[in-house]
Amino acid sequence: MRPRAFRRRIARLEADTPRYRALEVALGEGVGFGQAWYSSQKEHWLGWLAEYDGQGAYGRKIDPSRDARFVYNHIQCAPMLFWRAEALGFPDDVLDDAFAAVIAAPKRNASQCAAFRRVLPWDRIDAVL
């Protein structure tokens, strides 16, 4: 799946899921923290992917071979990943495990996202897309 198709699928999801904001608060990251320009993690995803064919605000290398798996595996915002899983309807016990893994991880974005992806790797996300 290409990043544009991934973005279209994200656009169809509910923005206001009940649990991801608790992770934002626990981490002090996301809406209302720091310099967040987005009002929800859905908006974060959509904005991030809108410029994926170019460098965008994140100074990415341009590589047309990058697919949705690559995108998912390079996100560095655990609340962003959590919202996606929650909006896709993963069961509470899986979300609980993912939340706990992020909280237990070292306080670095890469470590927290790696912990999340150990609970919900791309193949599990892709299966419900």
N, C-alpha and C. Protein backbone atom coordinates (compact mmCIF):
# COMPACT_ATOMS: atom_id res chain seq x y z
N MET A 1 0.85 -1.18 0.00
CA MET A 1 0.00 0.00 0.00
C MET A 1 0.90 1.24 0.00
N ARG A 2 0.59 2.16 -0.84
CA ARG A 2 1.34 3.41 -0.95
C ARG A 2 0.91 4.38 0.16
N PRO A 3 1.77 5.34 0.51
CA PRO A 3 1.41 6.31 1.56
C PRO A 3 0.12 7.07 1.29
N ARG A 4 -0.17 7.40 0.03
CA ARG A 4 -1.43 8.12 -0.27
C ARG A 4 -2.66 7.26 0.04
N ALA A 5 -2.59 5.99 -0.30
CA ALA A 5 -3.70 5.08 0.01
C ALA A 5 -3.83 4.91 1.52
N PHE A 6 -2.72 4.83 2.20
CA PHE A 6 -2.70 4.74 3.66
C PHE A 6 -3.39 5.97 4.25
N ARG A 7 -3.08 7.14 3.72
CA ARG A 7 -3.69 8.38 4.18
C ARG A 7 -5.20 8.37 3.96
N ARG A 8 -5.65 7.88 2.82
CA ARG A 8 -7.10 7.82 2.54
C ARG A 8 -7.80 6.92 3.56
N ARG A 9 -7.16 5.83 3.94
CA ARG A 9 -7.77 4.93 4.93
C ARG A 9 -7.82 5.58 6.31
N ILE A 10 -6.79 6.31 6.65
CA ILE A 10 -6.78 7.03 7.93
C ILE A 10 -7.87 8.09 7.94
N ALA A 11 -8.08 8.76 6.82
CA ALA A 11 -9.09 9.82 6.74
C ALA A 11 -10.49 9.33 7.06
N ARG A 12 -10.75 8.05 6.86
CA ARG A 12 -12.08 7.48 7.12
C ARG A 12 -12.32 7.14 8.60
N LEU A 13 -11.28 7.17 9.40
CA LEU A 13 -11.39 6.75 10.81
C LEU A 13 -11.91 7.88 11.70
N GLU A 14 -12.53 7.49 12.80
CA GLU A 14 -13.04 8.42 13.80
C GLU A 14 -11.87 9.13 14.49
N ALA A 15 -11.92 10.45 14.58
CA ALA A 15 -10.84 11.22 15.22
C ALA A 15 -10.87 11.12 16.73
N ASP A 16 -12.05 11.15 17.31
CA ASP A 16 -12.19 11.22 18.76
C ASP A 16 -12.43 9.85 19.38
N THR A 17 -11.38 9.10 19.50
CA THR A 17 -11.47 7.83 20.21
C THR A 17 -11.22 8.11 21.69
N PRO A 18 -11.69 7.28 22.57
CA PRO A 18 -11.66 7.63 24.00
C PRO A 18 -10.33 7.48 24.73
N ARG A 19 -9.37 6.73 24.21
CA ARG A 19 -8.23 6.37 25.05
C ARG A 19 -6.88 7.02 24.71
N TYR A 20 -6.68 7.45 23.49
CA TYR A 20 -5.34 7.91 23.13
C TYR A 20 -4.91 9.16 23.89
N ARG A 21 -5.86 10.00 24.27
CA ARG A 21 -5.50 11.22 25.01
C ARG A 21 -4.90 10.89 26.38
N ALA A 22 -5.30 9.79 26.98
CA ALA A 22 -4.69 9.37 28.25
C ALA A 22 -3.21 9.07 28.06
N LEU A 23 -2.86 8.51 26.91
CA LEU A 23 -1.45 8.24 26.62
C LEU A 23 -0.71 9.56 26.39
N GLU A 24 -1.32 10.50 25.70
CA GLU A 24 -0.71 11.81 25.52
C GLU A 24 -0.40 12.45 26.87
N VAL A 25 -1.37 12.40 27.77
CA VAL A 25 -1.18 12.99 29.10
C VAL A 25 -0.07 12.26 29.86
N ALA A 26 -0.10 10.95 29.83
CA ALA A 26 0.91 10.17 30.55
C ALA A 26 2.33 10.46 30.05
N LEU A 27 2.45 10.72 28.76
CA LEU A 27 3.77 10.99 28.17
C LEU A 27 4.11 12.48 28.12
N GLY A 28 3.10 13.33 28.30
CA GLY A 28 3.32 14.77 28.14
C GLY A 28 3.66 15.12 26.70
N GLU A 29 2.98 14.46 25.79
CA GLU A 29 3.26 14.62 24.36
C GLU A 29 1.96 14.62 23.58
N GLY A 30 1.85 15.50 22.60
CA GLY A 30 0.65 15.54 21.77
C GLY A 30 -0.10 16.84 21.95
N VAL A 31 -1.40 16.79 21.77
CA VAL A 31 -2.25 17.98 21.83
C VAL A 31 -2.14 18.62 23.22
N GLY A 32 -1.79 19.92 23.22
CA GLY A 32 -1.66 20.66 24.47
C GLY A 32 -0.27 20.58 25.09
N PHE A 33 0.65 19.90 24.45
CA PHE A 33 2.01 19.77 24.96
C PHE A 33 2.99 20.27 23.91
N GLY A 34 4.00 20.99 24.35
CA GLY A 34 5.06 21.43 23.44
C GLY A 34 4.52 22.25 22.29
N GLN A 35 5.03 21.95 21.14
CA GLN A 35 4.69 22.72 19.94
C GLN A 35 3.75 21.97 19.00
N ALA A 36 2.89 21.12 19.53
CA ALA A 36 1.99 20.33 18.69
C ALA A 36 1.12 21.27 17.84
N TRP A 37 1.15 21.10 16.54
CA TRP A 37 0.39 21.92 15.60
C TRP A 37 -0.97 21.32 15.29
N TYR A 38 -1.22 20.10 15.73
CA TYR A 38 -2.41 19.35 15.38
C TYR A 38 -3.38 19.33 16.56
N SER A 39 -4.66 19.10 16.25
CA SER A 39 -5.68 19.08 17.30
C SER A 39 -6.10 17.66 17.67
N SER A 40 -5.59 16.68 16.93
CA SER A 40 -5.87 15.27 17.22
C SER A 40 -4.76 14.45 16.56
N GLN A 41 -4.65 13.19 16.97
CA GLN A 41 -3.67 12.33 16.33
C GLN A 41 -4.08 11.99 14.90
N LYS A 42 -5.37 12.01 14.62
CA LYS A 42 -5.81 11.82 13.24
C LYS A 42 -5.26 12.95 12.37
N GLU A 43 -5.40 14.17 12.84
CA GLU A 43 -4.87 15.31 12.09
C GLU A 43 -3.35 15.21 11.95
N HIS A 44 -2.69 14.72 12.99
CA HIS A 44 -1.24 14.52 12.95
C HIS A 44 -0.88 13.56 11.81
N TRP A 45 -1.56 12.41 11.76
CA TRP A 45 -1.33 11.43 10.69
C TRP A 45 -1.57 12.06 9.32
N LEU A 46 -2.72 12.71 9.16
CA LEU A 46 -3.09 13.25 7.86
C LEU A 46 -2.10 14.32 7.40
N GLY A 47 -1.68 15.18 8.31
CA GLY A 47 -0.70 16.21 7.97
C GLY A 47 0.65 15.62 7.63
N TRP A 48 1.05 14.62 8.40
CA TRP A 48 2.34 13.98 8.18
C TRP A 48 2.38 13.28 6.83
N LEU A 49 1.30 12.61 6.50
CA LEU A 49 1.25 11.87 5.23
C LEU A 49 0.94 12.76 4.02
N ALA A 50 0.34 13.92 4.24
CA ALA A 50 -0.01 14.81 3.13
C ALA A 50 1.24 15.22 2.34
N GLU A 51 2.36 15.33 3.03
CA GLU A 51 3.60 15.77 2.39
C GLU A 51 4.59 14.63 2.25
N TYR A 52 4.11 13.39 2.28
CA TYR A 52 5.04 12.27 2.30
C TYR A 52 5.81 12.09 1.01
N ASP A 53 5.33 12.61 -0.09
CA ASP A 53 6.05 12.50 -1.36
C ASP A 53 7.24 13.46 -1.44
N GLY A 54 7.35 14.34 -0.45
CA GLY A 54 8.45 15.30 -0.40
C GLY A 54 9.06 15.33 0.98
N GLN A 55 9.93 16.31 1.23
CA GLN A 55 10.60 16.40 2.52
C GLN A 55 9.65 16.77 3.65
N GLY A 56 8.64 17.57 3.34
CA GLY A 56 7.68 17.97 4.36
C GLY A 56 8.34 18.71 5.51
N ALA A 57 7.60 18.87 6.58
CA ALA A 57 8.10 19.58 7.76
C ALA A 57 9.16 18.78 8.51
N TYR A 58 9.30 17.50 8.18
CA TYR A 58 10.21 16.64 8.92
C TYR A 58 11.54 16.42 8.21
N GLY A 59 11.74 17.06 7.05
CA GLY A 59 13.00 16.94 6.33
C GLY A 59 13.32 15.52 5.86
N ARG A 60 12.30 14.78 5.42
CA ARG A 60 12.49 13.40 4.99
C ARG A 60 13.32 13.31 3.71
N LYS A 61 13.97 12.18 3.54
CA LYS A 61 14.57 11.84 2.25
C LYS A 61 13.44 11.41 1.34
N ILE A 62 13.48 11.81 0.10
CA ILE A 62 12.44 11.44 -0.85
C ILE A 62 12.81 10.09 -1.46
N ASP A 63 11.92 9.12 -1.29
CA ASP A 63 12.15 7.77 -1.80
C ASP A 63 10.80 7.17 -2.18
N PRO A 64 10.51 7.13 -3.48
CA PRO A 64 9.20 6.63 -3.93
C PRO A 64 8.94 5.16 -3.64
N SER A 65 9.95 4.41 -3.23
CA SER A 65 9.74 2.99 -2.94
C SER A 65 9.16 2.76 -1.55
N ARG A 66 9.09 3.79 -0.74
CA ARG A 66 8.59 3.62 0.63
C ARG A 66 7.08 3.38 0.62
N ASP A 67 6.67 2.34 1.34
CA ASP A 67 5.26 1.95 1.39
C ASP A 67 4.70 2.22 2.79
N ALA A 68 3.45 1.83 2.99
CA ALA A 68 2.78 2.07 4.27
C ALA A 68 3.49 1.35 5.42
N ARG A 69 4.02 0.18 5.18
CA ARG A 69 4.78 -0.54 6.22
C ARG A 69 5.97 0.31 6.67
N PHE A 70 6.69 0.88 5.71
CA PHE A 70 7.84 1.72 6.04
C PHE A 70 7.37 2.91 6.88
N VAL A 71 6.29 3.56 6.44
CA VAL A 71 5.75 4.71 7.16
C VAL A 71 5.44 4.31 8.61
N TYR A 72 4.67 3.26 8.79
CA TYR A 72 4.27 2.81 10.12
C TYR A 72 5.49 2.51 11.00
N ASN A 73 6.48 1.89 10.42
CA ASN A 73 7.66 1.49 11.19
C ASN A 73 8.62 2.62 11.47
N HIS A 74 8.34 3.81 10.94
CA HIS A 74 9.22 4.95 11.19
C HIS A 74 8.54 6.10 11.94
N ILE A 75 7.30 5.92 12.32
CA ILE A 75 6.61 6.92 13.15
C ILE A 75 7.36 7.00 14.49
N GLN A 76 7.51 8.23 15.00
CA GLN A 76 8.21 8.43 16.27
C GLN A 76 7.31 9.13 17.30
N CYS A 77 6.02 8.81 17.27
CA CYS A 77 5.06 9.38 18.20
C CYS A 77 4.12 8.27 18.65
N ALA A 78 4.32 7.78 19.86
CA ALA A 78 3.51 6.66 20.36
C ALA A 78 2.01 6.98 20.41
N PRO A 79 1.59 8.19 20.82
CA PRO A 79 0.15 8.46 20.78
C PRO A 79 -0.43 8.38 19.37
N MET A 80 0.36 8.71 18.38
CA MET A 80 -0.08 8.62 16.99
C MET A 80 -0.35 7.16 16.63
N LEU A 81 0.57 6.28 16.99
CA LEU A 81 0.38 4.85 16.73
C LEU A 81 -0.80 4.30 17.52
N PHE A 82 -0.91 4.72 18.78
CA PHE A 82 -1.98 4.22 19.64
C PHE A 82 -3.35 4.62 19.09
N TRP A 83 -3.48 5.90 18.68
CA TRP A 83 -4.76 6.34 18.13
C TRP A 83 -5.16 5.47 16.94
N ARG A 84 -4.22 5.22 16.07
CA ARG A 84 -4.52 4.42 14.87
C ARG A 84 -5.05 3.05 15.25
N ALA A 85 -4.41 2.41 16.19
CA ALA A 85 -4.85 1.08 16.63
C ALA A 85 -6.23 1.16 17.28
N GLU A 86 -6.43 2.17 18.08
CA GLU A 86 -7.72 2.36 18.75
C GLU A 86 -8.82 2.63 17.72
N ALA A 87 -8.54 3.50 16.76
CA ALA A 87 -9.54 3.84 15.74
C ALA A 87 -9.86 2.64 14.84
N LEU A 88 -8.91 1.73 14.70
CA LEU A 88 -9.15 0.52 13.91
C LEU A 88 -9.96 -0.52 14.68
N GLY A 89 -10.17 -0.29 15.97
CA GLY A 89 -11.03 -1.17 16.74
C GLY A 89 -10.35 -2.35 17.41
N PHE A 90 -9.06 -2.24 17.67
CA PHE A 90 -8.40 -3.32 18.39
C PHE A 90 -9.03 -3.47 19.77
N PRO A 91 -9.11 -4.68 20.29
CA PRO A 91 -9.75 -4.93 21.59
C PRO A 91 -9.02 -4.23 22.74
N ASP A 92 -9.77 -3.97 23.80
CA ASP A 92 -9.21 -3.27 24.96
C ASP A 92 -7.99 -3.97 25.54
N ASP A 93 -7.99 -5.30 25.58
CA ASP A 93 -6.83 -5.98 26.18
C ASP A 93 -5.56 -5.75 25.36
N VAL A 94 -5.68 -5.67 24.05
CA VAL A 94 -4.52 -5.39 23.19
C VAL A 94 -4.07 -3.94 23.40
N LEU A 95 -5.04 -3.03 23.45
CA LEU A 95 -4.71 -1.62 23.70
C LEU A 95 -4.09 -1.44 25.08
N ASP A 96 -4.59 -2.17 26.08
CA ASP A 96 -4.00 -2.11 27.41
C ASP A 96 -2.54 -2.55 27.38
N ASP A 97 -2.26 -3.63 26.66
CA ASP A 97 -0.88 -4.12 26.54
C ASP A 97 0.01 -3.10 25.84
N ALA A 98 -0.51 -2.49 24.79
CA ALA A 98 0.26 -1.49 24.05
C ALA A 98 0.53 -0.26 24.92
N PHE A 99 -0.48 0.19 25.64
CA PHE A 99 -0.34 1.34 26.54
C PHE A 99 0.73 1.05 27.58
N ALA A 100 0.64 -0.10 28.23
CA ALA A 100 1.59 -0.48 29.27
C ALA A 100 3.01 -0.59 28.71
N ALA A 101 3.14 -1.12 27.51
CA ALA A 101 4.46 -1.26 26.90
C ALA A 101 5.09 0.11 26.64
N VAL A 102 4.30 1.05 26.18
CA VAL A 102 4.81 2.40 25.92
C VAL A 102 5.24 3.06 27.22
N ILE A 103 4.41 2.96 28.25
CA ILE A 103 4.71 3.59 29.54
C ILE A 103 5.96 2.98 30.17
N ALA A 104 6.16 1.69 29.99
CA ALA A 104 7.31 1.00 30.58
C ALA A 104 8.61 1.24 29.80
N ALA A 105 8.50 1.70 28.58
CA ALA A 105 9.68 1.91 27.73
C ALA A 105 10.49 3.11 28.21
N PRO A 106 11.77 3.16 27.85
CA PRO A 106 12.56 4.36 28.15
C PRO A 106 11.89 5.61 27.57
N LYS A 107 12.13 6.74 28.17
CA LYS A 107 11.45 7.99 27.81
C LYS A 107 12.03 8.61 26.53
N ARG A 108 12.14 7.82 25.50
CA ARG A 108 12.56 8.30 24.19
C ARG A 108 11.51 7.87 23.18
N ASN A 109 11.20 8.76 22.24
CA ASN A 109 10.15 8.44 21.26
C ASN A 109 10.43 7.13 20.53
N ALA A 110 11.66 6.93 20.09
CA ALA A 110 11.98 5.71 19.34
C ALA A 110 11.74 4.47 20.19
N SER A 111 12.12 4.52 21.46
CA SER A 111 11.94 3.37 22.35
C SER A 111 10.47 3.10 22.62
N GLN A 112 9.70 4.16 22.83
CA GLN A 112 8.28 4.01 23.11
C GLN A 112 7.55 3.45 21.89
N CYS A 113 7.91 3.92 20.70
CA CYS A 113 7.27 3.42 19.48
C CYS A 113 7.68 1.98 19.19
N ALA A 114 8.93 1.65 19.47
CA ALA A 114 9.37 0.26 19.29
C ALA A 114 8.60 -0.66 20.23
N ALA A 115 8.38 -0.22 21.47
CA ALA A 115 7.62 -1.02 22.43
C ALA A 115 6.19 -1.21 21.94
N PHE A 116 5.59 -0.15 21.42
CA PHE A 116 4.24 -0.25 20.87
C PHE A 116 4.20 -1.25 19.72
N ARG A 117 5.17 -1.15 18.80
CA ARG A 117 5.17 -2.02 17.63
C ARG A 117 5.47 -3.47 17.97
N ARG A 118 6.06 -3.74 19.11
CA ARG A 118 6.23 -5.14 19.53
C ARG A 118 4.86 -5.74 19.87
N VAL A 119 3.95 -4.94 20.38
CA VAL A 119 2.59 -5.41 20.68
C VAL A 119 1.75 -5.44 19.40
N LEU A 120 1.86 -4.40 18.60
CA LEU A 120 1.07 -4.29 17.37
C LEU A 120 1.97 -4.01 16.18
N PRO A 121 2.62 -5.05 15.67
CA PRO A 121 3.46 -4.86 14.49
C PRO A 121 2.61 -4.58 13.25
N TRP A 122 3.25 -4.12 12.21
CA TRP A 122 2.56 -3.75 10.99
C TRP A 122 1.62 -4.83 10.48
N ASP A 123 2.04 -6.08 10.53
CA ASP A 123 1.19 -7.15 9.99
C ASP A 123 -0.17 -7.22 10.67
N ARG A 124 -0.22 -6.93 11.96
CA ARG A 124 -1.51 -6.93 12.66
C ARG A 124 -2.35 -5.71 12.25
N ILE A 125 -1.70 -4.57 12.04
CA ILE A 125 -2.41 -3.37 11.60
C ILE A 125 -2.93 -3.59 10.18
N ASP A 126 -2.07 -4.06 9.32
CA ASP A 126 -2.41 -4.27 7.92
C ASP A 126 -3.58 -5.25 7.77
N ALA A 127 -3.63 -6.23 8.63
CA ALA A 127 -4.70 -7.24 8.55
C ALA A 127 -6.09 -6.65 8.74
N VAL A 128 -6.21 -5.54 9.48
CA VAL A 128 -7.53 -4.95 9.71
C VAL A 128 -7.80 -3.77 8.79
N LEU A 129 -6.81 -3.39 8.01
CA LEU A 129 -7.04 -2.30 7.05
C LEU A 129 -7.94 -2.79 5.93
